[in-house]
Structure formats: structure tokens, C-alpha cells
Amino acid sequence: MRKFLSLLALGVTLAAGAAQAAEPAMAAAPAAAPSATAPTVEKTPQQSKMATCNKDAEGKKGDERKAFMKNCLSAKPEAAATPQATQQNKMKTCNADAVGKKGEERKAFMSECLKK
């Protein structure tokens, strides 16, 4: 029994060595494969903002660049650009214009006004 186990261990070791020697490129491939198949991570809004500000700051140096980057990175996006804010503004404007109208007349007016 002892001889059998020794021969089995020797056979497994030789088979593994032969397989590794026959394909040396395969040994390096697993290390490179994860980076090649790794999903790309999208930039966060802050990273996108940094890239944009950095691109706009080309040609500026020293304190001028520092001041520009500080101002650019601290700038807030416009809140009115969101669709919900635009829809809310439309509602306010149409409601103000519909003063005095009632029933079907108001309903038709509001429908037409909100489509614009």
C-alpha cells in the first residue's frame, strides 16, 4: 500500500510538472487575465468635474491655476436644468396665467400650456 501511494504521488507530481513545462505561457496568463476582463469603473461626478476643470486650466500656472481650480471645483451645477424643476416652473407659470378660468376652459388651457 505504501508503494502505491508513493507511486501515485510521484505520478501526480510528474504530470503537473510536465503540464507546466509544456505551457509556460499559461502560467503568466492568469495574472494578466483579471485586469483584461475587469469591468471598467465609471467616473464619479467629482472625478468628471476634476477632469473637466483640469482640461480648462491648461496654460495656467501657479497661483492663477490654483485659484481657477478652486473656483471651478466649488461651482455648483445649475438646479434649473433638471426636468422636474422645469416642469414645476411650467406649472407655476400656467397656474398664474389660468387665473379666472374655470372648468373645461381651465382644463383645456392648462393642457395646452403644459405641452409647450
PDB file of N, CA and C in Angstrom:
ATOM      1  N   MET A   1       0.818  -1.188   0.000  1.00  0.00           N
ATOM      2  CA  MET A   1       0.000   0.000   0.000  1.00  0.00           C
ATOM      3  C   MET A   1       0.865   1.256   0.000  1.00  0.00           C
ATOM      4  N   ARG A   2       1.948   1.192   0.737  1.00  0.00           N
ATOM      5  CA  ARG A   2       2.838   2.338   0.838  1.00  0.00           C
ATOM      6  C   ARG A   2       3.482   2.647  -0.523  1.00  0.00           C
ATOM      7  N   LYS A   3       3.861   1.595  -1.260  1.00  0.00           N
ATOM      8  CA  LYS A   3       4.461   1.774  -2.583  1.00  0.00           C
ATOM      9  C   LYS A   3       3.443   2.413  -3.535  1.00  0.00           C
ATOM     10  N   PHE A   4       2.211   1.961  -3.428  1.00  0.00           N
ATOM     11  CA  PHE A   4       1.160   2.503  -4.298  1.00  0.00           C
ATOM     12  C   PHE A   4       0.982   4.001  -4.081  1.00  0.00           C
ATOM     13  N   LEU A   5       0.920   4.428  -2.827  1.00  0.00           N
ATOM     14  CA  LEU A   5       0.758   5.851  -2.518  1.00  0.00           C
ATOM     15  C   LEU A   5       1.973   6.654  -2.977  1.00  0.00           C
ATOM     16  N   SER A   6       3.142   6.105  -2.832  1.00  0.00           N
ATOM     17  CA  SER A   6       4.357   6.790  -3.277  1.00  0.00           C
ATOM     18  C   SER A   6       4.358   6.962  -4.788  1.00  0.00           C
ATOM     19  N   LEU A   7       3.983   5.903  -5.503  1.00  0.00           N
ATOM     20  CA  LEU A   7       3.923   5.975  -6.966  1.00  0.00           C
ATOM     21  C   LEU A   7       2.833   6.945  -7.432  1.00  0.00           C
ATOM     22  N   LEU A   8       1.724   6.953  -6.734  1.00  0.00           N
ATOM     23  CA  LEU A   8       0.641   7.878  -7.074  1.00  0.00           C
ATOM     24  C   LEU A   8       1.085   9.329  -6.882  1.00  0.00           C
ATOM     25  N   ALA A   9       1.738   9.618  -5.775  1.00  0.00           N
ATOM     26  CA  ALA A   9       2.231  10.969  -5.512  1.00  0.00           C
ATOM     27  C   ALA A   9       3.272  11.374  -6.544  1.00  0.00           C
ATOM     28  N   LEU A  10       4.178  10.433  -6.893  1.00  0.00           N
ATOM     29  CA  LEU A  10       5.198  10.706  -7.903  1.00  0.00           C
ATOM     30  C   LEU A  10       4.556  10.962  -9.261  1.00  0.00           C
ATOM     31  N   GLY A  11       3.542  10.193  -9.602  1.00  0.00           N
ATOM     32  CA  GLY A  11       2.859  10.360 -10.886  1.00  0.00           C
ATOM     33  C   GLY A  11       2.152  11.706 -10.984  1.00  0.00           C
ATOM     34  N   VAL A  12       1.511  12.100  -9.912  1.00  0.00           N
ATOM     35  CA  VAL A  12       0.815  13.395  -9.901  1.00  0.00           C
ATOM     36  C   VAL A  12       1.822  14.530 -10.029  1.00  0.00           C
ATOM     37  N   THR A  13       2.930  14.418  -9.322  1.00  0.00           N
ATOM     38  CA  THR A  13       3.959  15.453  -9.373  1.00  0.00           C
ATOM     39  C   THR A  13       4.547  15.552 -10.773  1.00  0.00           C
ATOM     40  N   LEU A  14       4.844  14.449 -11.386  1.00  0.00           N
ATOM     41  CA  LEU A  14       5.398  14.455 -12.743  1.00  0.00           C
ATOM     42  C   LEU A  14       4.394  14.989 -13.759  1.00  0.00           C
ATOM     43  N   ALA A  15       3.151  14.621 -13.605  1.00  0.00           N
ATOM     44  CA  ALA A  15       2.122  15.098 -14.538  1.00  0.00           C
ATOM     45  C   ALA A  15       1.959  16.615 -14.423  1.00  0.00           C
ATOM     46  N   ALA A  16       1.981  17.109 -13.199  1.00  0.00           N
ATOM     47  CA  ALA A  16       1.844  18.552 -13.002  1.00  0.00           C
ATOM     48  C   ALA A  16       3.055  19.280 -13.554  1.00  0.00           C
ATOM     49  N   GLY A  17       4.233  18.745 -13.357  1.00  0.00           N
ATOM     50  CA  GLY A  17       5.463  19.361 -13.875  1.00  0.00           C
ATOM     51  C   GLY A  17       5.484  19.365 -15.384  1.00  0.00           C
ATOM     52  N   ALA A  18       5.040  18.269 -15.986  1.00  0.00           N
ATOM     53  CA  ALA A  18       5.018  18.177 -17.443  1.00  0.00           C
ATOM     54  C   ALA A  18       4.008  19.160 -18.038  1.00  0.00           C
ATOM     55  N   ALA A  19       2.872  19.282 -17.393  1.00  0.00           N
ATOM     56  CA  ALA A  19       1.855  20.209 -17.898  1.00  0.00           C
ATOM     57  C   ALA A  19       2.337  21.653 -17.799  1.00  0.00           C
ATOM     58  N   GLN A  20       3.041  21.955 -16.725  1.00  0.00           N
ATOM     59  CA  GLN A  20       3.538  23.321 -16.544  1.00  0.00           C
ATOM     60  C   GLN A  20       4.659  23.608 -17.540  1.00  0.00           C
ATOM     61  N   ALA A  21       5.524  22.659 -17.806  1.00  0.00           N
ATOM     62  CA  ALA A  21       6.629  22.849 -18.737  1.00  0.00           C
ATOM     63  C   ALA A  21       6.127  22.963 -20.166  1.00  0.00           C
ATOM     64  N   ALA A  22       5.060  22.258 -20.489  1.00  0.00           N
ATOM     65  CA  ALA A  22       4.533  22.275 -21.852  1.00  0.00           C
ATOM     66  C   ALA A  22       3.854  23.605 -22.182  1.00  0.00           C
ATOM     67  N   GLU A  23       3.302  24.280 -21.194  1.00  0.00           N
ATOM     68  CA  GLU A  23       2.583  25.524 -21.447  1.00  0.00           C
ATOM     69  C   GLU A  23       3.078  26.637 -20.525  1.00  0.00           C
ATOM     70  N   PRO A  24       4.273  27.194 -20.773  1.00  0.00           N
ATOM     71  CA  PRO A  24       4.769  28.250 -19.894  1.00  0.00           C
ATOM     72  C   PRO A  24       3.966  29.549 -20.031  1.00  0.00           C
ATOM     73  N   ALA A  25       3.366  29.776 -21.178  1.00  0.00           N
ATOM     74  CA  ALA A  25       2.585  30.995 -21.379  1.00  0.00           C
ATOM     75  C   ALA A  25       1.320  30.990 -20.529  1.00  0.00           C
ATOM     76  N   MET A  26       0.796  29.815 -20.243  1.00  0.00           N
ATOM     77  CA  MET A  26      -0.415  29.714 -19.438  1.00  0.00           C
ATOM     78  C   MET A  26      -0.167  30.162 -18.001  1.00  0.00           C
ATOM     79  N   ALA A  27       1.072  30.014 -17.521  1.00  0.00           N
ATOM     80  CA  ALA A  27       1.383  30.414 -16.149  1.00  0.00           C
ATOM     81  C   ALA A  27       1.279  31.926 -16.000  1.00  0.00           C
ATOM     82  N   ALA A  28       1.646  32.680 -17.019  1.00  0.00           N
ATOM     83  CA  ALA A  28       1.594  34.140 -16.956  1.00  0.00           C
ATOM     84  C   ALA A  28       0.205  34.662 -17.300  1.00  0.00           C
ATOM     85  N   ALA A  29      -0.568  33.912 -18.052  1.00  0.00           N
ATOM     86  CA  ALA A  29      -1.877  34.386 -18.498  1.00  0.00           C
ATOM     87  C   ALA A  29      -2.860  34.654 -17.360  1.00  0.00           C
ATOM     88  N   PRO A  30      -2.958  33.797 -16.344  1.00  0.00           N
ATOM     89  CA  PRO A  30      -3.921  34.090 -15.283  1.00  0.00           C
ATOM     90  C   PRO A  30      -3.659  35.419 -14.570  1.00  0.00           C
ATOM     91  N   ALA A  31      -2.413  35.826 -14.463  1.00  0.00           N
ATOM     92  CA  ALA A  31      -2.111  37.097 -13.803  1.00  0.00           C
ATOM     93  C   ALA A  31      -2.598  38.264 -14.651  1.00  0.00           C
ATOM     94  N   ALA A  32      -2.533  38.142 -15.981  1.00  0.00           N
ATOM     95  CA  ALA A  32      -2.948  39.231 -16.854  1.00  0.00           C
ATOM     96  C   ALA A  32      -4.449  39.203 -17.125  1.00  0.00           C
ATOM     97  N   ALA A  33      -5.046  38.036 -17.042  1.00  0.00           N
ATOM     98  CA  ALA A  33      -6.452  37.897 -17.400  1.00  0.00           C
ATOM     99  C   ALA A  33      -7.393  38.736 -16.540  1.00  0.00           C
ATOM    100  N   PRO A  34      -7.266  38.772 -15.219  1.00  0.00           N
ATOM    101  CA  PRO A  34      -8.222  39.555 -14.441  1.00  0.00           C
ATOM    102  C   PRO A  34      -8.253  41.030 -14.810  1.00  0.00           C
ATOM    103  N   SER A  35      -7.106  41.626 -15.110  1.00  0.00           N
ATOM    104  CA  SER A  35      -7.107  43.042 -15.459  1.00  0.00           C
ATOM    105  C   SER A  35      -7.728  43.260 -16.842  1.00  0.00           C
ATOM    106  N   ALA A  36      -7.574  42.288 -17.735  1.00  0.00           N
ATOM    107  CA  ALA A  36      -8.143  42.431 -19.067  1.00  0.00           C
ATOM    108  C   ALA A  36      -9.659  42.260 -19.046  1.00  0.00           C
ATOM    109  N   THR A  37     -10.159  41.430 -18.125  1.00  0.00           N
ATOM    110  CA  THR A  37     -11.589  41.176 -18.082  1.00  0.00           C
ATOM    111  C   THR A  37     -12.294  41.964 -16.995  1.00  0.00           C
ATOM    112  N   ALA A  38     -11.559  42.757 -16.230  1.00  0.00           N
ATOM    113  CA  ALA A  38     -12.170  43.527 -15.148  1.00  0.00           C
ATOM    114  C   ALA A  38     -13.111  44.580 -15.744  1.00  0.00           C
ATOM    115  N   PRO A  39     -14.283  44.749 -15.162  1.00  0.00           N
ATOM    116  CA  PRO A  39     -15.215  45.747 -15.689  1.00  0.00           C
ATOM    117  C   PRO A  39     -14.666  47.150 -15.472  1.00  0.00           C
ATOM    118  N   THR A  40     -14.942  48.016 -16.426  1.00  0.00           N
ATOM    119  CA  THR A  40     -14.477  49.393 -16.296  1.00  0.00           C
ATOM    120  C   THR A  40     -15.365  50.128 -15.299  1.00  0.00           C
ATOM    121  N   VAL A  41     -14.751  50.891 -14.454  1.00  0.00           N
ATOM    122  CA  VAL A  41     -15.467  51.626 -13.431  1.00  0.00           C
ATOM    123  C   VAL A  41     -15.724  53.035 -13.955  1.00  0.00           C
ATOM    124  N   GLU A  42     -16.971  53.451 -13.907  1.00  0.00           N
ATOM    125  CA  GLU A  42     -17.301  54.789 -14.393  1.00  0.00           C
ATOM    126  C   GLU A  42     -16.835  55.829 -13.394  1.00  0.00           C
ATOM    127  N   LYS A  43     -16.526  57.000 -13.909  1.00  0.00           N
ATOM    128  CA  LYS A  43     -16.065  58.088 -13.056  1.00  0.00           C
ATOM    129  C   LYS A  43     -17.213  58.621 -12.218  1.00  0.00           C
ATOM    130  N   THR A  44     -16.863  59.037 -11.014  1.00  0.00           N
ATOM    131  CA  THR A  44     -17.847  59.681 -10.157  1.00  0.00           C
ATOM    132  C   THR A  44     -18.044  61.109 -10.675  1.00  0.00           C
ATOM    133  N   PRO A  45     -19.121  61.767 -10.283  1.00  0.00           N
ATOM    134  CA  PRO A  45     -19.322  63.148 -10.728  1.00  0.00           C
ATOM    135  C   PRO A  45     -18.145  64.059 -10.345  1.00  0.00           C
ATOM    136  N   GLN A  46     -17.562  63.827  -9.169  1.00  0.00           N
ATOM    137  CA  GLN A  46     -16.426  64.649  -8.745  1.00  0.00           C
ATOM    138  C   GLN A  46     -15.217  64.402  -9.644  1.00  0.00           C
ATOM    139  N   GLN A  47     -14.993  63.142 -10.036  1.00  0.00           N
ATOM    140  CA  GLN A  47     -13.867  62.833 -10.919  1.00  0.00           C
ATOM    141  C   GLN A  47     -14.081  63.449 -12.299  1.00  0.00           C
ATOM    142  N   SER A  48     -15.312  63.416 -12.782  1.00  0.00           N
ATOM    143  CA  SER A  48     -15.614  64.034 -14.071  1.00  0.00           C
ATOM    144  C   SER A  48     -15.393  65.539 -14.018  1.00  0.00           C
ATOM    145  N   LYS A  49     -15.823  66.136 -12.905  1.00  0.00           N
ATOM    146  CA  LYS A  49     -15.657  67.576 -12.724  1.00  0.00           C
ATOM    147  C   LYS A  49     -14.169  67.931 -12.686  1.00  0.00           C
ATOM    148  N   MET A  50     -13.384  67.114 -11.996  1.00  0.00           N
ATOM    149  CA  MET A  50     -11.943  67.344 -11.895  1.00  0.00           C
ATOM    150  C   MET A  50     -11.298  67.283 -13.274  1.00  0.00           C
ATOM    151  N   ALA A  51     -11.696  66.308 -14.073  1.00  0.00           N
ATOM    152  CA  ALA A  51     -11.132  66.173 -15.419  1.00  0.00           C
ATOM    153  C   ALA A  51     -11.490  67.387 -16.273  1.00  0.00           C
ATOM    154  N   THR A  52     -12.730  67.833 -16.178  1.00  0.00           N
ATOM    155  CA  THR A  52     -13.167  68.992 -16.967  1.00  0.00           C
ATOM    156  C   THR A  52     -12.423  70.254 -16.537  1.00  0.00           C
ATOM    157  N   CYS A  53     -12.335  70.480 -15.234  1.00  0.00           N
ATOM    158  CA  CYS A  53     -11.640  71.670 -14.726  1.00  0.00           C
ATOM    159  C   CYS A  53     -10.160  71.629 -15.092  1.00  0.00           C
ATOM    160  N   ASN A  54      -9.567  70.449 -15.005  1.00  0.00           N
ATOM    161  CA  ASN A  54      -8.157  70.305 -15.334  1.00  0.00           C
ATOM    162  C   ASN A  54      -7.905  70.633 -16.799  1.00  0.00           C
ATOM    163  N   LYS A  55      -8.813  70.196 -17.655  1.00  0.00           N
ATOM    164  CA  LYS A  55      -8.688  70.474 -19.087  1.00  0.00           C
ATOM    165  C   LYS A  55      -8.820  71.979 -19.355  1.00  0.00           C
ATOM    166  N   ASP A  56      -9.768  72.617 -18.662  1.00  0.00           N
ATOM    167  CA  ASP A  56      -9.983  74.056 -18.836  1.00  0.00           C
ATOM    168  C   ASP A  56      -8.835  74.890 -18.278  1.00  0.00           C
ATOM    169  N   ALA A  57      -8.062  74.328 -17.352  1.00  0.00           N
ATOM    170  CA  ALA A  57      -6.980  75.068 -16.708  1.00  0.00           C
ATOM    171  C   ALA A  57      -5.660  74.986 -17.471  1.00  0.00           C
ATOM    172  N   GLU A  58      -5.664  74.364 -18.632  1.00  0.00           N
ATOM    173  CA  GLU A  58      -4.423  74.253 -19.402  1.00  0.00           C
ATOM    174  C   GLU A  58      -3.883  75.643 -19.706  1.00  0.00           C
ATOM    175  N   GLY A  59      -2.568  75.800 -19.542  1.00  0.00           N
ATOM    176  CA  GLY A  59      -1.928  77.081 -19.816  1.00  0.00           C
ATOM    177  C   GLY A  59      -1.807  77.970 -18.587  1.00  0.00           C
ATOM    178  N   LYS A  60      -2.549  77.680 -17.548  1.00  0.00           N
ATOM    179  CA  LYS A  60      -2.464  78.464 -16.321  1.00  0.00           C
ATOM    180  C   LYS A  60      -1.414  77.826 -15.413  1.00  0.00           C
ATOM    181  N   LYS A  61      -0.710  78.653 -14.657  1.00  0.00           N
ATOM    182  CA  LYS A  61       0.331  78.133 -13.777  1.00  0.00           C
ATOM    183  C   LYS A  61       0.284  78.834 -12.435  1.00  0.00           C
ATOM    184  N   GLY A  62       0.825  78.164 -11.442  1.00  0.00           N
ATOM    185  CA  GLY A  62       0.996  78.746 -10.117  1.00  0.00           C
ATOM    186  C   GLY A  62      -0.302  79.136  -9.441  1.00  0.00           C
ATOM    187  N   ASP A  63      -0.293  80.346  -8.852  1.00  0.00           N
ATOM    188  CA  ASP A  63      -1.445  80.827  -8.097  1.00  0.00           C
ATOM    189  C   ASP A  63      -2.678  81.011  -8.976  1.00  0.00           C
ATOM    190  N   GLU A  64      -2.465  81.390 -10.236  1.00  0.00           N
ATOM    191  CA  GLU A  64      -3.597  81.572 -11.153  1.00  0.00           C
ATOM    192  C   GLU A  64      -4.333  80.239 -11.356  1.00  0.00           C
ATOM    193  N   ARG A  65      -3.568  79.175 -11.571  1.00  0.00           N
ATOM    194  CA  ARG A  65      -4.164  77.842 -11.760  1.00  0.00           C
ATOM    195  C   ARG A  65      -4.860  77.375 -10.484  1.00  0.00           C
ATOM    196  N   LYS A  66      -4.195  77.590  -9.357  1.00  0.00           N
ATOM    197  CA  LYS A  66      -4.748  77.188  -8.072  1.00  0.00           C
ATOM    198  C   LYS A  66      -6.098  77.863  -7.820  1.00  0.00           C
ATOM    199  N   ALA A  67      -6.165  79.168  -8.081  1.00  0.00           N
ATOM    200  CA  ALA A  67      -7.410  79.922  -7.891  1.00  0.00           C
ATOM    201  C   ALA A  67      -8.487  79.448  -8.864  1.00  0.00           C
ATOM    202  N   PHE A  68      -8.094  79.209 -10.112  1.00  0.00           N
ATOM    203  CA  PHE A  68      -9.051  78.742 -11.116  1.00  0.00           C
ATOM    204  C   PHE A  68      -9.624  77.390 -10.723  1.00  0.00           C
ATOM    205  N   MET A  69      -8.764  76.450 -10.305  1.00  0.00           N
ATOM    206  CA  MET A  69      -9.216  75.107  -9.939  1.00  0.00           C
ATOM    207  C   MET A  69     -10.136  75.158  -8.724  1.00  0.00           C
ATOM    208  N   LYS A  70      -9.802  75.994  -7.753  1.00  0.00           N
ATOM    209  CA  LYS A  70     -10.641  76.105  -6.561  1.00  0.00           C
ATOM    210  C   LYS A  70     -12.032  76.595  -6.938  1.00  0.00           C
ATOM    211  N   ASN A  71     -12.088  77.620  -7.773  1.00  0.00           N
ATOM    212  CA  ASN A  71     -13.362  78.179  -8.211  1.00  0.00           C
ATOM    213  C   ASN A  71     -14.140  77.178  -9.062  1.00  0.00           C
ATOM    214  N   CYS A  72     -13.454  76.524  -9.962  1.00  0.00           N
ATOM    215  CA  CYS A  72     -14.106  75.565 -10.869  1.00  0.00           C
ATOM    216  C   CYS A  72     -14.669  74.373 -10.097  1.00  0.00           C
ATOM    217  N   LEU A  73     -13.891  73.833  -9.169  1.00  0.00           N
ATOM    218  CA  LEU A  73     -14.326  72.646  -8.434  1.00  0.00           C
ATOM    219  C   LEU A  73     -15.419  72.951  -7.419  1.00  0.00           C
ATOM    220  N   SER A  74     -15.506  74.190  -6.970  1.00  0.00           N
ATOM    221  CA  SER A  74     -16.538  74.530  -5.991  1.00  0.00           C
ATOM    222  C   SER A  74     -17.827  75.007  -6.644  1.00  0.00           C
ATOM    223  N   ALA A  75     -17.826  75.181  -7.945  1.00  0.00           N
ATOM    224  CA  ALA A  75     -19.026  75.642  -8.655  1.00  0.00           C
ATOM    225  C   ALA A  75     -20.117  74.584  -8.568  1.00  0.00           C
ATOM    226  N   LYS A  76     -21.325  75.030  -8.313  1.00  0.00           N
ATOM    227  CA  LYS A  76     -22.484  74.132  -8.207  1.00  0.00           C
ATOM    228  C   LYS A  76     -23.158  74.047  -9.570  1.00  0.00           C
ATOM    229  N   PRO A  77     -23.659  72.851  -9.939  1.00  0.00           N
ATOM    230  CA  PRO A  77     -24.406  72.737 -11.191  1.00  0.00           C
ATOM    231  C   PRO A  77     -25.730  73.477 -11.069  1.00  0.00           C
ATOM    232  N   GLU A  78     -26.241  73.927 -12.199  1.00  0.00           N
ATOM    233  CA  GLU A  78     -27.489  74.679 -12.201  1.00  0.00           C
ATOM    234  C   GLU A  78     -28.651  73.774 -11.824  1.00  0.00           C
ATOM    235  N   ALA A  79     -29.450  74.203 -10.865  1.00  0.00           N
ATOM    236  CA  ALA A  79     -30.587  73.409 -10.408  1.00  0.00           C
ATOM    237  C   ALA A  79     -31.742  73.471 -11.399  1.00  0.00           C
ATOM    238  N   ALA A  80     -31.843  74.549 -12.165  1.00  0.00           N
ATOM    239  CA  ALA A  80     -32.954  74.720 -13.099  1.00  0.00           C
ATOM    240  C   ALA A  80     -32.845  73.775 -14.298  1.00  0.00           C
ATOM    241  N   ALA A  81     -31.707  73.149 -14.464  1.00  0.00           N
ATOM    242  CA  ALA A  81     -31.520  72.267 -15.610  1.00  0.00           C
ATOM    243  C   ALA A  81     -32.230  70.926 -15.439  1.00  0.00           C
ATOM    244  N   THR A  82     -32.667  70.605 -14.239  1.00  0.00           N
ATOM    245  CA  THR A  82     -33.327  69.325 -14.029  1.00  0.00           C
ATOM    246  C   THR A  82     -34.735  69.354 -14.613  1.00  0.00           C
ATOM    247  N   PRO A  83     -35.200  68.246 -15.174  1.00  0.00           N
ATOM    248  CA  PRO A  83     -36.526  68.209 -15.771  1.00  0.00           C
ATOM    249  C   PRO A  83     -37.638  68.503 -14.766  1.00  0.00           C
ATOM    250  N   GLN A  84     -37.473  68.033 -13.528  1.00  0.00           N
ATOM    251  CA  GLN A  84     -38.517  68.254 -12.535  1.00  0.00           C
ATOM    252  C   GLN A  84     -38.657  69.744 -12.237  1.00  0.00           C
ATOM    253  N   ALA A  85     -37.543  70.451 -12.108  1.00  0.00           N
ATOM    254  CA  ALA A  85     -37.592  71.885 -11.836  1.00  0.00           C
ATOM    255  C   ALA A  85     -38.253  72.611 -13.009  1.00  0.00           C
ATOM    256  N   THR A  86     -37.965  72.195 -14.214  1.00  0.00           N
ATOM    257  CA  THR A  86     -38.563  72.815 -15.390  1.00  0.00           C
ATOM    258  C   THR A  86     -40.069  72.587 -15.390  1.00  0.00           C
ATOM    259  N   GLN A  87     -40.500  71.374 -15.076  1.00  0.00           N
ATOM    260  CA  GLN A  87     -41.928  71.055 -15.033  1.00  0.00           C
ATOM    261  C   GLN A  87     -42.617  71.865 -13.934  1.00  0.00           C
ATOM    262  N   GLN A  88     -41.961  72.008 -12.798  1.00  0.00           N
ATOM    263  CA  GLN A  88     -42.540  72.797 -11.705  1.00  0.00           C
ATOM    264  C   GLN A  88     -42.681  74.256 -12.117  1.00  0.00           C
ATOM    265  N   ASN A  89     -41.681  74.769 -12.811  1.00  0.00           N
ATOM    266  CA  ASN A  89     -41.752  76.159 -13.281  1.00  0.00           C
ATOM    267  C   ASN A  89     -42.897  76.334 -14.280  1.00  0.00           C
ATOM    268  N   LYS A  90     -43.080  75.347 -15.160  1.00  0.00           N
ATOM    269  CA  LYS A  90     -44.193  75.405 -16.115  1.00  0.00           C
ATOM    270  C   LYS A  90     -45.529  75.446 -15.384  1.00  0.00           C
ATOM    271  N   MET A  91     -45.655  74.579 -14.360  1.00  0.00           N
ATOM    272  CA  MET A  91     -46.909  74.532 -13.599  1.00  0.00           C
ATOM    273  C   MET A  91     -47.206  75.881 -12.955  1.00  0.00           C
ATOM    274  N   LYS A  92     -46.182  76.487 -12.361  1.00  0.00           N
ATOM    275  CA  LYS A  92     -46.373  77.784 -11.707  1.00  0.00           C
ATOM    276  C   LYS A  92     -46.804  78.838 -12.722  1.00  0.00           C
ATOM    277  N   THR A  93     -46.133  78.878 -13.845  1.00  0.00           N
ATOM    278  CA  THR A  93     -46.454  79.872 -14.871  1.00  0.00           C
ATOM    279  C   THR A  93     -47.853  79.658 -15.428  1.00  0.00           C
ATOM    280  N   CYS A  94     -48.182  78.416 -15.744  1.00  0.00           N
ATOM    281  CA  CYS A  94     -49.506  78.130 -16.302  1.00  0.00           C
ATOM    282  C   CYS A  94     -50.613  78.410 -15.290  1.00  0.00           C
ATOM    283  N   ASN A  95     -50.370  78.059 -14.017  1.00  0.00           N
ATOM    284  CA  ASN A  95     -51.361  78.356 -12.979  1.00  0.00           C
ATOM    285  C   ASN A  95     -51.591  79.850 -12.852  1.00  0.00           C
ATOM    286  N   ALA A  96     -50.518  80.613 -12.922  1.00  0.00           N
ATOM    287  CA  ALA A  96     -50.647  82.073 -12.823  1.00  0.00           C
ATOM    288  C   ALA A  96     -51.421  82.629 -14.017  1.00  0.00           C
ATOM    289  N   ASP A  97     -51.183  82.076 -15.194  1.00  0.00           N
ATOM    290  CA  ASP A  97     -51.874  82.549 -16.408  1.00  0.00           C
ATOM    291  C   ASP A  97     -53.332  82.089 -16.462  1.00  0.00           C
ATOM    292  N   ALA A  98     -53.658  81.011 -15.725  1.00  0.00           N
ATOM    293  CA  ALA A  98     -55.013  80.457 -15.783  1.00  0.00           C
ATOM    294  C   ALA A  98     -55.962  81.094 -14.767  1.00  0.00           C
ATOM    295  N   VAL A  99     -55.520  82.126 -14.079  1.00  0.00           N
ATOM    296  CA  VAL A  99     -56.373  82.784 -13.083  1.00  0.00           C
ATOM    297  C   VAL A  99     -57.626  83.319 -13.777  1.00  0.00           C
ATOM    298  N   GLY A 100     -58.792  83.021 -13.209  1.00  0.00           N
ATOM    299  CA  GLY A 100     -60.063  83.488 -13.778  1.00  0.00           C
ATOM    300  C   GLY A 100     -60.739  82.458 -14.662  1.00  0.00           C
ATOM    301  N   LYS A 101     -60.025  81.419 -15.083  1.00  0.00           N
ATOM    302  CA  LYS A 101     -60.615  80.382 -15.929  1.00  0.00           C
ATOM    303  C   LYS A 101     -61.112  79.263 -15.022  1.00  0.00           C
ATOM    304  N   LYS A 102     -62.249  78.643 -15.401  1.00  0.00           N
ATOM    305  CA  LYS A 102     -62.825  77.577 -14.584  1.00  0.00           C
ATOM    306  C   LYS A 102     -63.312  76.437 -15.468  1.00  0.00           C
ATOM    307  N   GLY A 103     -63.405  75.266 -14.854  1.00  0.00           N
ATOM    308  CA  GLY A 103     -63.999  74.110 -15.529  1.00  0.00           C
ATOM    309  C   GLY A 103     -63.206  73.649 -16.745  1.00  0.00           C
ATOM    310  N   GLU A 104     -63.977  73.357 -17.815  1.00  0.00           N
ATOM    311  CA  GLU A 104     -63.388  72.834 -19.050  1.00  0.00           C
ATOM    312  C   GLU A 104     -62.442  73.835 -19.700  1.00  0.00           C
ATOM    313  N   GLU A 105     -62.754  75.109 -19.583  1.00  0.00           N
ATOM    314  CA  GLU A 105     -61.896  76.147 -20.167  1.00  0.00           C
ATOM    315  C   GLU A 105     -60.499  76.099 -19.515  1.00  0.00           C
ATOM    316  N   ARG A 106     -60.465  76.008 -18.177  1.00  0.00           N
ATOM    317  CA  ARG A 106     -59.185  75.948 -17.452  1.00  0.00           C
ATOM    318  C   ARG A 106     -58.428  74.658 -17.798  1.00  0.00           C
ATOM    319  N   LYS A 107     -59.184  73.572 -17.851  1.00  0.00           N
ATOM    320  CA  LYS A 107     -58.582  72.272 -18.147  1.00  0.00           C
ATOM    321  C   LYS A 107     -57.907  72.294 -19.529  1.00  0.00           C
ATOM    322  N   ALA A 108     -58.585  72.813 -20.518  1.00  0.00           N
ATOM    323  CA  ALA A 108     -58.042  72.893 -21.879  1.00  0.00           C
ATOM    324  C   ALA A 108     -56.839  73.830 -21.921  1.00  0.00           C
ATOM    325  N   PHE A 109     -56.963  74.961 -21.224  1.00  0.00           N
ATOM    326  CA  PHE A 109     -55.866  75.921 -21.194  1.00  0.00           C
ATOM    327  C   PHE A 109     -54.605  75.306 -20.555  1.00  0.00           C
ATOM    328  N   MET A 110     -54.792  74.652 -19.406  1.00  0.00           N
ATOM    329  CA  MET A 110     -53.652  74.050 -18.697  1.00  0.00           C
ATOM    330  C   MET A 110     -52.996  72.940 -19.543  1.00  0.00           C
ATOM    331  N   SER A 111     -53.822  72.156 -20.188  1.00  0.00           N
ATOM    332  CA  SER A 111     -53.302  71.084 -21.032  1.00  0.00           C
ATOM    333  C   SER A 111     -52.425  71.660 -22.140  1.00  0.00           C
ATOM    334  N   GLU A 112     -52.923  72.684 -22.804  1.00  0.00           N
ATOM    335  CA  GLU A 112     -52.178  73.305 -23.904  1.00  0.00           C
ATOM    336  C   GLU A 112     -50.924  74.007 -23.385  1.00  0.00           C
ATOM    337  N   CYS A 113     -51.065  74.701 -22.265  1.00  0.00           N
ATOM    338  CA  CYS A 113     -49.934  75.439 -21.699  1.00  0.00           C
ATOM    339  C   CYS A 113     -48.801  74.504 -21.278  1.00  0.00           C
ATOM    340  N   LEU A 114     -49.125  73.378 -20.673  1.00  0.00           N
ATOM    341  CA  LEU A 114     -48.099  72.458 -20.190  1.00  0.00           C
ATOM    342  C   LEU A 114     -47.413  71.681 -21.321  1.00  0.00           C
ATOM    343  N   LYS A 115     -48.029  71.633 -22.480  1.00  0.00           N
ATOM    344  CA  LYS A 115     -47.413  70.940 -23.624  1.00  0.00           C
ATOM    345  C   LYS A 115     -46.290  71.765 -24.241  1.00  0.00           C
ATOM    346  N   LYS A 116     -46.303  73.054 -24.006  1.00  0.00           N
ATOM    347  CA  LYS A 116     -45.286  73.941 -24.612  1.00  0.00           C
ATOM    348  C   LYS A 116     -43.938  73.707 -24.034  1.00  0.00           C
TER     349      LYS A 116
END
